[in-house]
Amino acid sequence: MGRHRYLIALGSNMRHPRHGLPRAVIGAAIKALDHGKTEVLAVSKTIETPPLGPSRRRYANAAVLLRSKRAPDEVLRKLQKIERKFGRRRTGQAWGARVLDLDVVLWNGGPWVSEEGGDSLVIPHPAFRERAFVLGPAATIAGDWRDPLTRLSVRQLSARLTKPRRPLR
């Protein structure tokens, strides 16, 4: 199929009228990703996590590894199209409740920055190193994949967030 690989983070904390609860929304989104010019290579388990920001609803989170011929900007447009089909409306409010959130975390082409049509895309995702709800699932399917900026693997980045630190003496 394609020559590019992408690590995509998925999140949902709202019920969908057709697909149901957030965990089922994640499953339906994975099926939507495995269509056309993208192929799903690996899927993490779906985990439940507390919300960030003002939302009170818990999130269902997962990660997928995709293969595609599409360039990063084209993948972003596909992800946004899927989000819209699931009822996502971009309101400008960060951290709000959402039916579906799809983010490009990494791709095998290294760092990428673009601002096409008002939508900016930065790869690696600027906040992924601090998000256990992204790194945990990602480490199970792409643990050896390296962050092109820090050169640390996804597994190492996840361990930094989840392992207790020893106090300095």
N, C-alpha and C. Protein backbone atom coordinates (compact mmCIF):
# COMPACT_ATOMS: atom_id res chain seq x y z
N MET A 1 0.83 -1.19 0.00
CA MET A 1 0.00 0.00 0.00
C MET A 1 0.87 1.25 0.00
N GLY A 2 1.16 1.85 1.13
CA GLY A 2 1.85 3.13 1.16
C GLY A 2 3.25 3.04 1.68
N ARG A 3 3.96 4.13 1.52
CA ARG A 3 5.34 4.15 1.97
C ARG A 3 5.51 4.89 3.29
N HIS A 4 4.45 5.58 3.76
CA HIS A 4 4.54 6.33 5.00
C HIS A 4 3.83 5.56 6.12
N ARG A 5 4.39 5.67 7.32
CA ARG A 5 3.73 5.13 8.51
C ARG A 5 3.43 6.30 9.44
N TYR A 6 2.27 6.23 10.07
CA TYR A 6 1.81 7.28 10.98
C TYR A 6 1.34 6.65 12.29
N LEU A 7 1.65 7.32 13.40
CA LEU A 7 1.10 6.96 14.70
C LEU A 7 0.00 7.97 14.99
N ILE A 8 -1.21 7.46 15.16
CA ILE A 8 -2.39 8.31 15.37
C ILE A 8 -2.95 8.03 16.77
N ALA A 9 -3.24 9.11 17.51
CA ALA A 9 -3.89 9.00 18.81
C ALA A 9 -5.38 9.24 18.63
N LEU A 10 -6.20 8.44 19.30
CA LEU A 10 -7.65 8.57 19.23
C LEU A 10 -8.20 8.83 20.62
N GLY A 11 -9.20 9.69 20.71
CA GLY A 11 -9.86 9.95 21.98
C GLY A 11 -11.32 10.26 21.78
N SER A 12 -12.14 9.89 22.77
CA SER A 12 -13.57 10.18 22.74
C SER A 12 -14.09 10.23 24.17
N ASN A 13 -14.96 11.21 24.45
CA ASN A 13 -15.62 11.20 25.76
C ASN A 13 -17.09 11.60 25.66
N MET A 14 -17.66 11.43 24.49
CA MET A 14 -19.09 11.68 24.31
C MET A 14 -19.73 10.52 23.56
N ARG A 15 -20.94 10.25 23.92
CA ARG A 15 -21.73 9.23 23.24
C ARG A 15 -22.06 9.69 21.82
N HIS A 16 -22.08 8.73 20.90
CA HIS A 16 -22.46 9.00 19.52
C HIS A 16 -23.83 8.36 19.29
N PRO A 17 -24.73 9.04 18.57
CA PRO A 17 -26.08 8.48 18.41
C PRO A 17 -26.12 7.10 17.75
N ARG A 18 -25.21 6.83 16.84
CA ARG A 18 -25.21 5.54 16.15
C ARG A 18 -24.23 4.55 16.76
N HIS A 19 -23.04 5.01 17.14
CA HIS A 19 -22.00 4.10 17.60
C HIS A 19 -22.04 3.84 19.11
N GLY A 20 -22.66 4.72 19.87
CA GLY A 20 -22.81 4.47 21.30
C GLY A 20 -21.74 5.15 22.14
N LEU A 21 -21.32 4.45 23.18
CA LEU A 21 -20.38 4.99 24.17
C LEU A 21 -19.00 5.24 23.58
N PRO A 22 -18.17 6.07 24.25
CA PRO A 22 -16.86 6.42 23.71
C PRO A 22 -15.99 5.23 23.28
N ARG A 23 -16.00 4.15 24.01
CA ARG A 23 -15.20 2.98 23.63
C ARG A 23 -15.64 2.45 22.26
N ALA A 24 -16.93 2.44 22.02
CA ALA A 24 -17.46 1.99 20.72
C ALA A 24 -17.16 3.02 19.62
N VAL A 25 -17.13 4.30 19.98
CA VAL A 25 -16.77 5.35 19.02
C VAL A 25 -15.34 5.12 18.53
N ILE A 26 -14.45 4.79 19.46
CA ILE A 26 -13.05 4.51 19.10
C ILE A 26 -13.00 3.34 18.12
N GLY A 27 -13.73 2.27 18.40
CA GLY A 27 -13.75 1.11 17.50
C GLY A 27 -14.26 1.47 16.12
N ALA A 28 -15.32 2.26 16.06
CA ALA A 28 -15.86 2.67 14.75
C ALA A 28 -14.88 3.58 14.01
N ALA A 29 -14.19 4.44 14.74
CA ALA A 29 -13.20 5.33 14.11
C ALA A 29 -12.04 4.53 13.52
N ILE A 30 -11.63 3.48 14.21
CA ILE A 30 -10.54 2.63 13.70
C ILE A 30 -10.97 1.99 12.38
N LYS A 31 -12.21 1.55 12.31
CA LYS A 31 -12.72 0.99 11.04
C LYS A 31 -12.73 2.04 9.95
N ALA A 32 -13.08 3.27 10.29
CA ALA A 32 -13.11 4.35 9.30
C ALA A 32 -11.70 4.69 8.82
N LEU A 33 -10.71 4.55 9.70
CA LEU A 33 -9.32 4.82 9.30
C LEU A 33 -8.79 3.77 8.34
N ASP A 34 -9.26 2.54 8.47
CA ASP A 34 -8.78 1.42 7.65
C ASP A 34 -9.60 1.35 6.36
N HIS A 35 -9.46 2.40 5.55
CA HIS A 35 -10.31 2.52 4.36
C HIS A 35 -9.60 3.39 3.33
N GLY A 36 -9.77 3.06 2.09
CA GLY A 36 -9.22 3.88 1.02
C GLY A 36 -7.71 3.82 0.95
N LYS A 37 -7.09 4.99 1.06
CA LYS A 37 -5.63 5.08 0.92
C LYS A 37 -4.88 4.92 2.23
N THR A 38 -5.55 4.47 3.27
CA THR A 38 -4.87 4.20 4.54
C THR A 38 -5.18 2.78 5.00
N GLU A 39 -4.19 2.17 5.59
CA GLU A 39 -4.33 0.80 6.10
C GLU A 39 -3.88 0.78 7.55
N VAL A 40 -4.72 0.24 8.43
CA VAL A 40 -4.36 0.11 9.83
C VAL A 40 -3.46 -1.10 9.98
N LEU A 41 -2.26 -0.88 10.53
CA LEU A 41 -1.29 -1.96 10.74
C LEU A 41 -1.35 -2.55 12.13
N ALA A 42 -1.65 -1.72 13.13
CA ALA A 42 -1.69 -2.17 14.52
C ALA A 42 -2.62 -1.27 15.31
N VAL A 43 -3.27 -1.86 16.31
CA VAL A 43 -4.22 -1.14 17.16
C VAL A 43 -3.90 -1.46 18.62
N SER A 44 -3.83 -0.43 19.44
CA SER A 44 -3.61 -0.64 20.87
C SER A 44 -4.94 -1.02 21.53
N LYS A 45 -4.86 -1.42 22.78
CA LYS A 45 -6.07 -1.56 23.58
C LYS A 45 -6.63 -0.17 23.83
N THR A 46 -7.92 -0.11 24.04
CA THR A 46 -8.54 1.16 24.42
C THR A 46 -8.51 1.26 25.94
N ILE A 47 -8.03 2.40 26.42
CA ILE A 47 -7.95 2.63 27.87
C ILE A 47 -8.91 3.75 28.25
N GLU A 48 -9.25 3.81 29.52
CA GLU A 48 -10.09 4.87 30.03
C GLU A 48 -9.24 5.79 30.89
N THR A 49 -9.37 7.11 30.67
CA THR A 49 -8.53 8.07 31.37
C THR A 49 -9.36 9.25 31.87
N PRO A 50 -8.87 9.90 32.93
CA PRO A 50 -9.58 11.09 33.41
C PRO A 50 -9.41 12.24 32.43
N PRO A 51 -10.35 13.18 32.42
CA PRO A 51 -10.27 14.29 31.47
C PRO A 51 -9.22 15.32 31.90
N LEU A 52 -8.74 16.07 30.91
CA LEU A 52 -7.93 17.26 31.15
C LEU A 52 -8.86 18.45 31.00
N GLY A 53 -8.63 19.50 31.72
CA GLY A 53 -9.41 20.72 31.56
C GLY A 53 -10.81 20.63 32.12
N PRO A 54 -11.75 21.41 31.56
CA PRO A 54 -13.08 21.56 32.15
C PRO A 54 -14.03 20.38 31.98
N SER A 55 -13.78 19.51 31.05
CA SER A 55 -14.69 18.39 30.82
C SER A 55 -14.71 17.47 32.04
N ARG A 56 -15.87 16.95 32.37
CA ARG A 56 -16.00 16.03 33.51
C ARG A 56 -16.09 14.57 33.08
N ARG A 57 -16.23 14.36 31.81
CA ARG A 57 -16.42 12.99 31.30
C ARG A 57 -15.08 12.30 31.10
N ARG A 58 -15.00 11.04 31.45
CA ARG A 58 -13.79 10.25 31.24
C ARG A 58 -13.63 9.97 29.74
N TYR A 59 -12.40 9.80 29.34
CA TYR A 59 -12.07 9.56 27.94
C TYR A 59 -11.79 8.09 27.69
N ALA A 60 -12.11 7.66 26.49
CA ALA A 60 -11.60 6.41 25.94
C ALA A 60 -10.47 6.83 25.01
N ASN A 61 -9.29 6.24 25.17
CA ASN A 61 -8.12 6.58 24.35
C ASN A 61 -7.50 5.33 23.78
N ALA A 62 -6.94 5.46 22.57
CA ALA A 62 -6.24 4.37 21.91
C ALA A 62 -5.24 4.97 20.93
N ALA A 63 -4.46 4.11 20.32
CA ALA A 63 -3.51 4.52 19.28
C ALA A 63 -3.55 3.50 18.16
N VAL A 64 -3.30 3.97 16.95
CA VAL A 64 -3.19 3.08 15.79
C VAL A 64 -1.95 3.44 15.00
N LEU A 65 -1.42 2.44 14.34
CA LEU A 65 -0.32 2.61 13.41
C LEU A 65 -0.92 2.45 12.02
N LEU A 66 -0.76 3.48 11.19
CA LEU A 66 -1.30 3.48 9.83
C LEU A 66 -0.19 3.42 8.80
N ARG A 67 -0.53 2.89 7.64
CA ARG A 67 0.34 2.97 6.47
C ARG A 67 -0.47 3.68 5.38
N SER A 68 0.18 4.62 4.70
CA SER A 68 -0.52 5.38 3.68
C SER A 68 0.46 5.98 2.67
N LYS A 69 -0.03 6.20 1.47
CA LYS A 69 0.73 6.93 0.46
C LYS A 69 0.57 8.43 0.66
N ARG A 70 -0.37 8.83 1.49
CA ARG A 70 -0.69 10.23 1.69
C ARG A 70 0.42 10.97 2.44
N ALA A 71 0.63 12.23 2.06
CA ALA A 71 1.53 13.12 2.79
C ALA A 71 0.84 13.56 4.09
N PRO A 72 1.59 14.07 5.03
CA PRO A 72 1.00 14.46 6.32
C PRO A 72 -0.21 15.40 6.22
N ASP A 73 -0.16 16.40 5.35
CA ASP A 73 -1.30 17.31 5.23
C ASP A 73 -2.55 16.59 4.75
N GLU A 74 -2.37 15.63 3.84
CA GLU A 74 -3.50 14.84 3.35
C GLU A 74 -4.05 13.95 4.45
N VAL A 75 -3.17 13.38 5.27
CA VAL A 75 -3.63 12.55 6.39
C VAL A 75 -4.42 13.41 7.37
N LEU A 76 -3.93 14.61 7.66
CA LEU A 76 -4.66 15.51 8.55
C LEU A 76 -6.05 15.78 8.01
N ARG A 77 -6.17 16.07 6.72
CA ARG A 77 -7.49 16.33 6.14
C ARG A 77 -8.40 15.10 6.26
N LYS A 78 -7.85 13.91 6.05
CA LYS A 78 -8.64 12.68 6.21
C LYS A 78 -9.12 12.53 7.65
N LEU A 79 -8.23 12.78 8.61
CA LEU A 79 -8.61 12.66 10.03
C LEU A 79 -9.71 13.66 10.37
N GLN A 80 -9.58 14.89 9.89
CA GLN A 80 -10.60 15.90 10.17
C GLN A 80 -11.93 15.56 9.51
N LYS A 81 -11.89 14.96 8.33
CA LYS A 81 -13.12 14.53 7.66
C LYS A 81 -13.82 13.44 8.47
N ILE A 82 -13.05 12.49 8.99
CA ILE A 82 -13.63 11.44 9.84
C ILE A 82 -14.22 12.06 11.10
N GLU A 83 -13.49 12.99 11.72
CA GLU A 83 -14.02 13.65 12.93
C GLU A 83 -15.36 14.33 12.63
N ARG A 84 -15.45 15.03 11.52
CA ARG A 84 -16.71 15.70 11.15
C ARG A 84 -17.84 14.69 10.94
N LYS A 85 -17.52 13.55 10.28
CA LYS A 85 -18.55 12.52 10.06
C LYS A 85 -19.07 11.97 11.39
N PHE A 86 -18.23 12.00 12.41
CA PHE A 86 -18.63 11.53 13.73
C PHE A 86 -19.28 12.64 14.56
N GLY A 87 -19.44 13.82 13.96
CA GLY A 87 -20.14 14.90 14.65
C GLY A 87 -19.24 15.90 15.35
N ARG A 88 -17.95 15.85 15.14
CA ARG A 88 -17.04 16.80 15.79
C ARG A 88 -17.22 18.17 15.18
N ARG A 89 -17.40 19.15 16.05
CA ARG A 89 -17.48 20.54 15.64
C ARG A 89 -16.37 21.28 16.36
N ARG A 90 -15.50 21.91 15.61
CA ARG A 90 -14.39 22.65 16.22
C ARG A 90 -14.91 24.00 16.69
N THR A 91 -14.94 24.18 18.00
CA THR A 91 -15.49 25.40 18.59
C THR A 91 -14.40 26.35 19.04
N GLY A 92 -13.16 25.92 19.04
CA GLY A 92 -12.08 26.76 19.52
C GLY A 92 -11.82 26.56 21.01
N GLN A 93 -12.71 25.83 21.69
CA GLN A 93 -12.52 25.58 23.12
C GLN A 93 -11.60 24.37 23.29
N ALA A 94 -10.45 24.62 23.91
CA ALA A 94 -9.52 23.52 24.18
C ALA A 94 -10.04 22.69 25.33
N TRP A 95 -9.76 21.41 25.29
CA TRP A 95 -10.04 20.49 26.39
C TRP A 95 -11.52 20.20 26.61
N GLY A 96 -12.38 20.59 25.69
CA GLY A 96 -13.80 20.33 25.86
C GLY A 96 -14.17 18.90 25.52
N ALA A 97 -15.43 18.56 25.84
CA ALA A 97 -15.93 17.24 25.50
C ALA A 97 -16.00 17.10 23.98
N ARG A 98 -15.75 15.89 23.49
CA ARG A 98 -15.79 15.68 22.05
C ARG A 98 -16.14 14.24 21.73
N VAL A 99 -16.87 14.09 20.63
CA VAL A 99 -17.23 12.75 20.17
C VAL A 99 -15.98 12.01 19.72
N LEU A 100 -15.11 12.69 18.97
CA LEU A 100 -13.91 12.03 18.45
C LEU A 100 -12.79 13.04 18.24
N ASP A 101 -11.62 12.66 18.67
CA ASP A 101 -10.42 13.46 18.45
C ASP A 101 -9.36 12.54 17.86
N LEU A 102 -8.82 12.91 16.71
CA LEU A 102 -7.78 12.15 16.02
C LEU A 102 -6.58 13.05 15.83
N ASP A 103 -5.42 12.63 16.31
CA ASP A 103 -4.20 13.43 16.19
C ASP A 103 -3.07 12.64 15.58
N VAL A 104 -2.34 13.26 14.65
CA VAL A 104 -1.11 12.68 14.15
C VAL A 104 -0.05 12.93 15.21
N VAL A 105 0.55 11.86 15.72
CA VAL A 105 1.57 11.97 16.76
C VAL A 105 2.96 11.95 16.14
N LEU A 106 3.23 10.93 15.33
CA LEU A 106 4.52 10.76 14.66
C LEU A 106 4.29 10.25 13.24
N TRP A 107 5.28 10.42 12.41
CA TRP A 107 5.30 9.75 11.11
C TRP A 107 6.75 9.40 10.80
N ASN A 108 6.96 8.48 9.88
CA ASN A 108 8.31 7.99 9.62
C ASN A 108 9.16 8.96 8.81
N GLY A 109 8.66 10.12 8.50
CA GLY A 109 9.41 11.12 7.74
C GLY A 109 10.14 12.14 8.59
N GLY A 110 10.09 12.00 9.92
CA GLY A 110 10.78 12.94 10.79
C GLY A 110 9.92 14.15 11.13
N PRO A 111 10.54 15.24 11.54
CA PRO A 111 9.77 16.44 11.90
C PRO A 111 9.03 17.01 10.68
N TRP A 112 7.87 17.61 10.91
CA TRP A 112 7.05 18.19 9.84
C TRP A 112 6.30 19.38 10.43
N VAL A 113 6.30 20.47 9.71
CA VAL A 113 5.52 21.65 10.11
C VAL A 113 4.87 22.21 8.86
N SER A 114 3.56 22.46 8.95
CA SER A 114 2.87 23.10 7.83
C SER A 114 1.68 23.87 8.37
N GLU A 115 1.28 24.84 7.60
CA GLU A 115 0.07 25.60 7.89
C GLU A 115 -0.67 25.74 6.58
N GLU A 116 -1.45 24.72 6.27
CA GLU A 116 -2.16 24.69 5.00
C GLU A 116 -3.63 25.01 5.24
N GLY A 117 -4.12 26.06 4.62
CA GLY A 117 -5.53 26.39 4.73
C GLY A 117 -5.98 26.73 6.14
N GLY A 118 -5.10 27.27 6.95
CA GLY A 118 -5.48 27.63 8.32
C GLY A 118 -5.31 26.51 9.32
N ASP A 119 -5.17 25.28 8.87
CA ASP A 119 -4.95 24.15 9.77
C ASP A 119 -3.46 23.92 9.91
N SER A 120 -2.95 24.02 11.13
CA SER A 120 -1.53 23.78 11.30
C SER A 120 -1.30 22.33 11.71
N LEU A 121 -0.22 21.79 11.24
CA LEU A 121 0.16 20.43 11.59
C LEU A 121 1.62 20.45 11.98
N VAL A 122 1.89 19.98 13.18
CA VAL A 122 3.25 19.87 13.68
C VAL A 122 3.47 18.42 14.09
N ILE A 123 4.48 17.80 13.50
CA ILE A 123 4.85 16.43 13.83
C ILE A 123 6.33 16.45 14.22
N PRO A 124 6.68 15.89 15.37
CA PRO A 124 5.84 15.20 16.33
C PRO A 124 4.84 16.15 17.00
N HIS A 125 3.73 15.57 17.43
CA HIS A 125 2.71 16.35 18.12
C HIS A 125 3.37 17.07 19.29
N PRO A 126 3.16 18.38 19.41
CA PRO A 126 3.90 19.16 20.41
C PRO A 126 3.74 18.71 21.85
N ALA A 127 2.62 18.11 22.21
CA ALA A 127 2.38 17.76 23.61
C ALA A 127 2.44 16.26 23.90
N PHE A 128 2.76 15.44 22.93
CA PHE A 128 2.63 13.99 23.15
C PHE A 128 3.57 13.46 24.21
N ARG A 129 4.71 14.10 24.43
CA ARG A 129 5.69 13.61 25.41
C ARG A 129 5.19 13.71 26.85
N GLU A 130 4.19 14.55 27.08
CA GLU A 130 3.65 14.74 28.43
C GLU A 130 2.30 14.07 28.63
N ARG A 131 1.86 13.29 27.69
CA ARG A 131 0.51 12.71 27.76
C ARG A 131 0.56 11.19 27.88
N ALA A 132 0.35 10.72 29.09
CA ALA A 132 0.34 9.27 29.34
C ALA A 132 -0.78 8.59 28.56
N PHE A 133 -1.89 9.30 28.34
CA PHE A 133 -3.01 8.70 27.61
C PHE A 133 -2.70 8.52 26.13
N VAL A 134 -1.64 9.14 25.64
CA VAL A 134 -1.15 8.91 24.28
C VAL A 134 -0.01 7.90 24.31
N LEU A 135 0.97 8.14 25.19
CA LEU A 135 2.17 7.29 25.22
C LEU A 135 1.89 5.86 25.67
N GLY A 136 0.99 5.68 26.62
CA GLY A 136 0.68 4.32 27.10
C GLY A 136 0.21 3.41 25.98
N PRO A 137 -0.89 3.78 25.31
CA PRO A 137 -1.35 2.95 24.18
C PRO A 137 -0.31 2.88 23.06
N ALA A 138 0.34 4.00 22.74
CA ALA A 138 1.32 4.02 21.65
C ALA A 138 2.49 3.08 21.92
N ALA A 139 2.92 3.00 23.16
CA ALA A 139 4.06 2.15 23.51
C ALA A 139 3.77 0.67 23.24
N THR A 140 2.50 0.28 23.28
CA THR A 140 2.17 -1.13 23.06
C THR A 140 2.22 -1.53 21.59
N ILE A 141 2.13 -0.55 20.67
CA ILE A 141 2.14 -0.88 19.24
C ILE A 141 3.33 -0.29 18.49
N ALA A 142 3.98 0.71 19.09
CA ALA A 142 5.10 1.38 18.42
C ALA A 142 6.17 1.76 19.44
N GLY A 143 6.42 0.87 20.38
CA GLY A 143 7.33 1.17 21.49
C GLY A 143 8.75 1.51 21.08
N ASP A 144 9.23 0.98 19.98
CA ASP A 144 10.60 1.24 19.54
C ASP A 144 10.72 2.46 18.62
N TRP A 145 9.58 3.02 18.22
CA TRP A 145 9.61 4.18 17.35
C TRP A 145 10.22 5.36 18.11
N ARG A 146 11.15 6.07 17.50
CA ARG A 146 11.87 7.15 18.19
C ARG A 146 11.30 8.52 17.83
N ASP A 147 11.22 9.34 18.85
CA ASP A 147 10.88 10.75 18.68
C ASP A 147 12.05 11.38 17.94
N PRO A 148 11.83 12.00 16.79
CA PRO A 148 12.96 12.53 16.02
C PRO A 148 13.65 13.73 16.69
N LEU A 149 13.00 14.33 17.67
CA LEU A 149 13.61 15.48 18.33
C LEU A 149 14.43 15.08 19.56
N THR A 150 13.91 14.16 20.38
CA THR A 150 14.65 13.76 21.59
C THR A 150 15.48 12.50 21.38
N ARG A 151 15.18 11.75 20.31
CA ARG A 151 15.79 10.45 20.00
C ARG A 151 15.41 9.37 21.02
N LEU A 152 14.49 9.66 21.93
CA LEU A 152 14.00 8.65 22.87
C LEU A 152 12.88 7.85 22.20
N SER A 153 12.79 6.57 22.56
CA SER A 153 11.72 5.75 22.01
C SER A 153 10.40 6.08 22.70
N VAL A 154 9.31 5.71 22.06
CA VAL A 154 7.98 5.90 22.65
C VAL A 154 7.92 5.18 23.99
N ARG A 155 8.50 3.99 24.07
CA ARG A 155 8.52 3.23 25.32
C ARG A 155 9.28 4.01 26.41
N GLN A 156 10.43 4.59 26.06
CA GLN A 156 11.20 5.36 27.04
C GLN A 156 10.43 6.61 27.50
N LEU A 157 9.79 7.29 26.56
CA LEU A 157 9.00 8.46 26.93
C LEU A 157 7.85 8.08 27.85
N SER A 158 7.20 6.95 27.57
CA SER A 158 6.11 6.48 28.42
C SER A 158 6.62 6.14 29.82
N ALA A 159 7.77 5.47 29.89
CA ALA A 159 8.34 5.10 31.19
C ALA A 159 8.67 6.34 32.02
N ARG A 160 9.12 7.39 31.38
CA ARG A 160 9.44 8.62 32.10
C ARG A 160 8.20 9.21 32.78
N LEU A 161 7.05 9.01 32.18
CA LEU A 161 5.82 9.56 32.77
C LEU A 161 5.21 8.65 33.82
N THR A 162 5.43 7.36 33.70
CA THR A 162 4.70 6.41 34.54
C THR A 162 5.51 5.80 35.67
N LYS A 163 6.82 5.79 35.57
CA LYS A 163 7.63 5.17 36.62
C LYS A 163 7.91 6.18 37.72
N PRO A 164 7.80 5.73 38.98
CA PRO A 164 8.09 6.65 40.08
C PRO A 164 9.57 7.04 40.07
N ARG A 165 9.81 8.26 40.40
CA ARG A 165 11.19 8.78 40.45
C ARG A 165 11.75 8.63 41.85
N ARG A 166 13.02 8.30 41.90
CA ARG A 166 13.70 8.23 43.20
C ARG A 166 14.06 9.65 43.64
N PRO A 167 13.89 9.94 44.91
CA PRO A 167 14.27 11.28 45.38
C PRO A 167 15.78 11.44 45.33
N LEU A 168 16.20 12.67 45.07
CA LEU A 168 17.63 12.97 45.05
C LEU A 168 18.15 12.99 46.48
N ARG A 169 19.38 12.53 46.67
CA ARG A 169 19.97 12.54 48.02
C ARG A 169 21.01 13.58 48.13
